[in-house]
């Protein structure tokens, strides 16, 4: 069963989007997608229904269809079935609005329409995807795909596509540089630990004669445990911010240690 509805606002002025950069458009599109998920689940909670889970197969299909509508400057429903072939319960809502419209206004327009409401408040649906596309005419095109797992064997796609997270392109770029930088720092620390052990042995004999030496020896002996604590294993799921924070922290500590060693050697 495929259910659908379409809604349109008044035409939008071209000036609203003409001066936008692609990054600005992407940011608005992503924000609208995220907010519509929250608003839809708030609506469902209001009528006693379970929240819908975001599925990125649906997200991908909605973005694709919104681009189609934008390119044709016409609002209409999908001409091809965008869902898994074995799915028996699916729905589609489409919308065109001025780029200045809020997600709340879009949601209100859908809720005011019986056909849109039928999809928003359908108990049979368990998954959803929203896709937005801003054109150069000042419009934002939005598609929502709803899916019900009738056979109980649907495996949703939990991994977002490139556009799914705000600033994802920037994040990916940071990830490409931060992780190797952190790995390089780990290698440098292994050498530092080995050097610290050797230096500690040499300075230990002089520890009683200088406070600077005692301080350095203490720092050198604790450095190995410090390294173990601040060098967690990096996986594909490790947050980029965590990698960057650890890299900065370890570099700072290494710099302090090196200063202590130099001071101790001169003492």
Protein backbone atom coordinates (compact mmCIF):
# COMPACT_ATOMS: atom_id res chain seq x y z
CA UNK A 1 0.00 0.00 0.00
CA UNK A 2 1.40 3.39 -0.98
CA UNK A 3 -0.16 6.48 0.53
CA UNK A 4 0.79 10.06 -0.23
CA UNK A 5 0.00 13.73 -0.03
CA UNK A 6 1.38 17.01 -1.36
CA UNK A 7 1.40 20.52 0.04
CA UNK A 8 2.57 23.85 -1.34
CA UNK A 9 3.08 27.33 0.07
CA UNK A 10 2.95 30.57 -1.87
CA UNK A 11 5.75 31.06 -4.44
CA UNK A 12 9.06 32.20 -2.94
CA UNK A 13 11.13 35.18 -4.09
CA UNK A 14 14.31 34.21 -5.93
CA UNK A 15 16.30 36.70 -3.89
CA UNK A 16 15.88 34.49 -0.84
CA UNK A 17 18.21 31.85 -2.30
CA UNK A 18 20.15 33.67 -5.00
CA UNK A 19 22.83 34.90 -2.60
CA UNK A 20 23.18 31.63 -0.67
CA UNK A 21 26.33 29.57 -0.95
CA UNK A 22 26.02 25.81 -1.34
CA UNK A 23 27.26 25.38 2.22
CA UNK A 24 24.47 27.63 3.50
CA UNK A 25 21.87 25.70 1.51
CA UNK A 26 23.17 22.38 2.80
CA UNK A 27 23.10 23.64 6.37
CA UNK A 28 19.43 24.69 6.06
CA UNK A 29 18.48 21.44 4.34
CA UNK A 30 20.09 19.37 7.08
CA UNK A 31 18.46 21.44 9.82
CA UNK A 32 15.01 21.04 8.25
CA UNK A 33 15.49 17.27 7.93
CA UNK A 34 16.49 16.89 11.58
CA UNK A 35 13.74 19.15 12.89
CA UNK A 36 11.03 17.40 10.86
CA UNK A 37 12.01 14.09 12.45
CA UNK A 38 11.62 15.62 15.91
CA UNK A 39 8.35 17.35 15.04
CA UNK A 40 6.88 14.21 13.49
CA UNK A 41 7.73 12.12 16.54
CA UNK A 42 6.31 14.81 18.82
CA UNK A 43 3.09 14.64 16.82
CA UNK A 44 3.02 10.86 17.05
CA UNK A 45 3.61 10.96 20.81
CA UNK A 46 0.69 13.37 21.12
CA UNK A 47 -1.65 10.74 19.68
CA UNK A 48 -0.11 7.85 21.58
CA UNK A 49 2.08 6.37 18.84
CA UNK A 50 5.66 5.16 18.98
CA UNK A 51 8.35 7.39 17.45
CA UNK A 52 9.67 6.65 13.98
CA UNK A 53 13.29 5.64 13.54
CA UNK A 54 15.39 7.42 10.94
CA UNK A 55 16.41 5.06 8.15
CA UNK A 56 19.08 6.28 5.74
CA UNK A 57 17.81 4.21 2.85
CA UNK A 58 14.66 6.31 3.10
CA UNK A 59 16.69 9.46 3.71
CA UNK A 60 18.60 8.78 0.51
CA UNK A 61 15.42 8.21 -1.48
CA UNK A 62 13.78 11.38 -0.15
CA UNK A 63 16.76 13.55 -1.00
CA UNK A 64 16.82 12.07 -4.46
CA UNK A 65 13.15 12.77 -5.04
CA UNK A 66 13.37 16.31 -3.68
CA UNK A 67 16.14 16.96 -6.22
CA UNK A 68 13.90 15.62 -8.99
CA UNK A 69 11.07 17.97 -8.01
CA UNK A 70 13.48 20.88 -7.72
CA UNK A 71 15.00 20.22 -11.15
CA UNK A 72 11.56 20.09 -12.76
CA UNK A 73 10.18 22.92 -10.63
CA UNK A 74 7.09 20.83 -10.10
CA UNK A 75 5.66 19.00 -7.10
CA UNK A 76 4.50 15.44 -7.75
CA UNK A 77 4.84 11.97 -6.26
CA UNK A 78 7.49 9.38 -7.03
CA UNK A 79 7.09 7.58 -10.31
CA UNK A 80 9.24 4.68 -9.11
CA UNK A 81 8.90 2.69 -5.91
CA UNK A 82 11.68 4.02 -3.66
CA UNK A 83 11.36 1.37 -0.97
CA UNK A 84 12.46 -2.28 -0.64
CA UNK A 85 10.40 -4.40 -3.02
CA UNK A 86 9.15 -6.72 -0.25
CA UNK A 87 7.73 -3.85 1.79
CA UNK A 88 3.95 -3.74 1.73
CA UNK A 89 3.40 -0.63 3.82
CA UNK A 90 4.89 2.66 2.66
CA UNK A 91 3.92 6.28 2.26
CA UNK A 92 5.16 9.54 0.82
CA UNK A 93 4.55 13.19 1.67
CA UNK A 94 5.95 15.98 -0.50
CA UNK A 95 6.05 19.71 0.00
CA UNK A 96 7.27 22.94 -1.55
CA UNK A 97 7.82 26.03 0.60
CA UNK A 98 9.77 29.29 0.60
CA UNK A 99 13.31 28.76 1.83
CA UNK A 100 12.44 31.13 4.67
CA UNK A 101 9.72 28.79 5.99
CA UNK A 102 10.44 26.98 9.24
CA UNK A 103 10.21 23.24 9.77
CA UNK A 104 7.34 23.92 12.20
CA UNK A 105 5.39 25.69 9.44
CA UNK A 106 6.00 22.79 7.08
CA UNK A 107 4.86 20.31 9.71
CA UNK A 108 1.75 22.39 10.40
CA UNK A 109 0.87 22.39 6.69
CA UNK A 110 1.16 18.61 6.54
CA UNK A 111 -0.88 18.15 9.72
CA UNK A 112 -3.63 20.35 8.30
CA UNK A 113 -4.00 18.03 5.30
CA UNK A 114 -5.92 14.74 5.80
CA UNK A 115 -3.72 12.79 3.35
CA UNK A 116 -0.51 14.02 4.96
CA UNK A 117 -1.85 13.44 8.43
CA UNK A 118 -2.70 9.87 7.48
CA UNK A 119 1.01 9.18 6.96
CA UNK A 120 2.28 11.20 9.92
CA UNK A 121 -0.04 9.42 12.34
CA UNK A 122 -0.09 5.92 10.83
CA UNK A 123 0.49 3.22 13.43
CA UNK A 124 1.80 0.80 10.79
CA UNK A 125 4.95 2.83 10.11
CA UNK A 126 8.17 2.32 12.02
CA UNK A 127 10.77 4.10 9.90
CA UNK A 128 11.06 7.47 8.20
CA UNK A 129 13.41 9.53 6.07
CA UNK A 130 13.26 13.24 5.24
CA UNK A 131 15.07 14.88 2.35
CA UNK A 132 15.24 18.60 1.55
CA UNK A 133 16.56 20.44 -1.49
CA UNK A 134 16.87 24.20 -1.98
CA UNK A 135 16.73 25.57 -5.51
CA UNK A 136 17.91 28.93 -6.90
CA UNK A 137 14.34 30.21 -7.14
CA UNK A 138 13.95 30.57 -3.37
CA UNK A 139 12.10 27.29 -2.80
CA UNK A 140 12.84 24.37 -0.52
CA UNK A 141 11.47 21.01 -1.67
CA UNK A 142 10.83 18.38 0.98
CA UNK A 143 10.02 14.69 0.70
CA UNK A 144 9.12 12.29 3.50
CA UNK A 145 9.15 8.51 3.05
CA UNK A 146 7.45 6.30 5.62
CA UNK A 147 7.96 2.57 5.89
CA UNK A 148 6.25 -0.20 7.83
CA UNK A 149 8.11 -3.45 8.42
CA UNK A 150 5.24 -5.77 7.57
CA UNK A 151 7.29 -8.97 7.39
CA UNK A 152 9.35 -8.19 10.46
CA UNK A 153 12.65 -8.75 8.70
CA UNK A 154 13.60 -5.28 7.50
CA UNK A 155 17.14 -4.19 8.36
CA UNK A 156 17.28 -0.40 8.52
CA UNK A 157 20.40 1.45 7.41
CA UNK A 158 21.81 3.23 10.44
CA UNK A 159 24.85 4.72 8.69
CA UNK A 160 24.18 8.25 7.44
CA UNK A 161 25.12 9.38 3.96
CA UNK A 162 27.46 12.34 3.44
CA UNK A 163 24.71 14.94 3.79
CA UNK A 164 23.08 13.40 6.85
CA UNK A 165 25.02 15.26 9.49
CA UNK A 166 25.50 19.01 9.58
CA UNK A 167 29.00 19.91 8.47
CA UNK A 168 29.71 16.31 7.49
CA UNK A 169 32.03 17.29 4.65
CA UNK A 170 34.12 19.37 7.02
CA UNK A 171 34.06 16.60 9.62
CA UNK A 172 35.22 14.06 7.09
CA UNK A 173 38.07 16.33 6.13
CA UNK A 174 39.10 16.77 9.75
CA UNK A 175 38.86 13.03 10.27
CA UNK A 176 41.23 12.42 7.39
CA UNK A 177 43.90 14.58 9.04
CA UNK A 178 43.21 14.14 12.76
CA UNK A 179 43.42 10.35 12.94
CA UNK A 180 46.79 10.04 11.13
CA UNK A 181 48.07 12.92 13.27
CA UNK A 182 47.02 11.10 16.42
CA UNK A 183 48.54 7.82 15.21
CA UNK A 184 51.77 9.64 14.44
CA UNK A 185 51.71 11.08 17.95
CA UNK A 186 51.32 7.58 19.42
CA UNK A 187 54.44 6.43 17.58
CA UNK A 188 56.34 9.45 18.85
CA UNK A 189 55.23 8.66 22.39
CA UNK A 190 56.54 5.10 22.23
CA UNK A 191 59.95 6.54 21.45
CA UNK A 192 59.50 9.13 24.19
CA UNK A 193 58.66 6.45 26.74
CA UNK A 194 61.75 4.44 25.83
CA UNK A 195 63.87 7.56 26.03
CA UNK A 196 62.25 8.56 29.32
CA UNK A 197 63.15 5.23 30.91
CA UNK A 198 66.77 5.53 29.84
CA UNK A 199 67.00 9.13 31.00
CA UNK A 200 65.38 8.28 34.34
CA UNK A 201 68.09 5.73 35.08
CA UNK A 202 70.83 8.22 34.31
CA UNK A 203 69.25 10.98 36.39
CA UNK A 204 68.25 8.78 39.33
CA UNK A 205 71.75 8.90 40.82
CA UNK A 206 71.66 12.69 40.83
CA UNK A 207 68.10 12.91 42.21
CA UNK A 208 69.27 13.69 45.74
CA UNK A 209 71.31 16.67 44.69
CA UNK A 210 68.74 18.77 42.80
CA UNK A 211 65.04 19.50 43.15
CA UNK A 212 64.87 19.90 39.37
CA UNK A 213 66.30 16.43 38.89
CA UNK A 214 63.91 14.92 41.44
CA UNK A 215 61.01 16.56 39.66
CA UNK A 216 62.16 15.27 36.28
CA UNK A 217 62.73 11.72 37.56
CA UNK A 218 59.23 11.67 39.06
CA UNK A 219 57.73 12.91 35.80
CA UNK A 220 59.72 10.43 33.73
CA UNK A 221 58.63 7.48 35.85
CA UNK A 222 54.95 8.42 35.60
CA UNK A 223 55.07 9.20 31.89
CA UNK A 224 54.51 5.63 30.77
CA UNK A 225 51.28 5.29 32.78
CA UNK A 226 50.18 8.70 31.53
CA UNK A 227 50.66 7.62 27.94
CA UNK A 228 48.61 4.46 28.48
CA UNK A 229 45.78 6.52 29.98
CA UNK A 230 45.65 9.14 27.22
CA UNK A 231 46.09 6.96 24.15
CA UNK A 232 42.82 5.04 23.71
CA UNK A 233 42.47 2.73 20.76
CA UNK A 234 41.29 4.57 17.66
CA UNK A 235 38.47 2.92 15.74
CA UNK A 236 36.30 4.03 12.84
CA UNK A 237 33.70 5.12 15.41
CA UNK A 238 36.04 7.22 17.52
CA UNK A 239 34.77 10.80 17.46
CA UNK A 240 37.02 13.21 15.59
CA UNK A 241 36.77 15.71 18.46
CA UNK A 242 38.03 13.03 20.86
CA UNK A 243 40.99 12.31 18.61
CA UNK A 244 41.83 15.98 18.30
CA UNK A 245 41.45 16.61 22.04
CA UNK A 246 43.68 13.66 22.97
CA UNK A 247 46.28 14.71 20.42
CA UNK A 248 46.45 18.23 21.84
CA UNK A 249 46.54 16.99 25.45
CA UNK A 250 49.33 14.51 24.83
CA UNK A 251 51.40 17.04 22.90
CA UNK A 252 51.10 19.48 25.78
CA UNK A 253 52.18 16.87 28.30
CA UNK A 254 55.10 15.78 26.11
CA UNK A 255 56.28 19.38 25.82
CA UNK A 256 56.21 19.77 29.61
CA UNK A 257 58.14 16.54 30.04
CA UNK A 258 60.81 17.59 27.57
CA UNK A 259 61.30 20.87 29.44
CA UNK A 260 61.75 18.99 32.71
CA UNK A 261 64.33 16.69 31.15
CA UNK A 262 66.34 19.59 29.75
CA UNK A 263 66.22 21.39 33.12
CA UNK A 264 67.32 18.24 34.94
CA UNK A 265 70.24 17.63 32.61
CA UNK A 266 71.50 21.17 33.20
CA UNK A 267 71.11 20.92 37.00
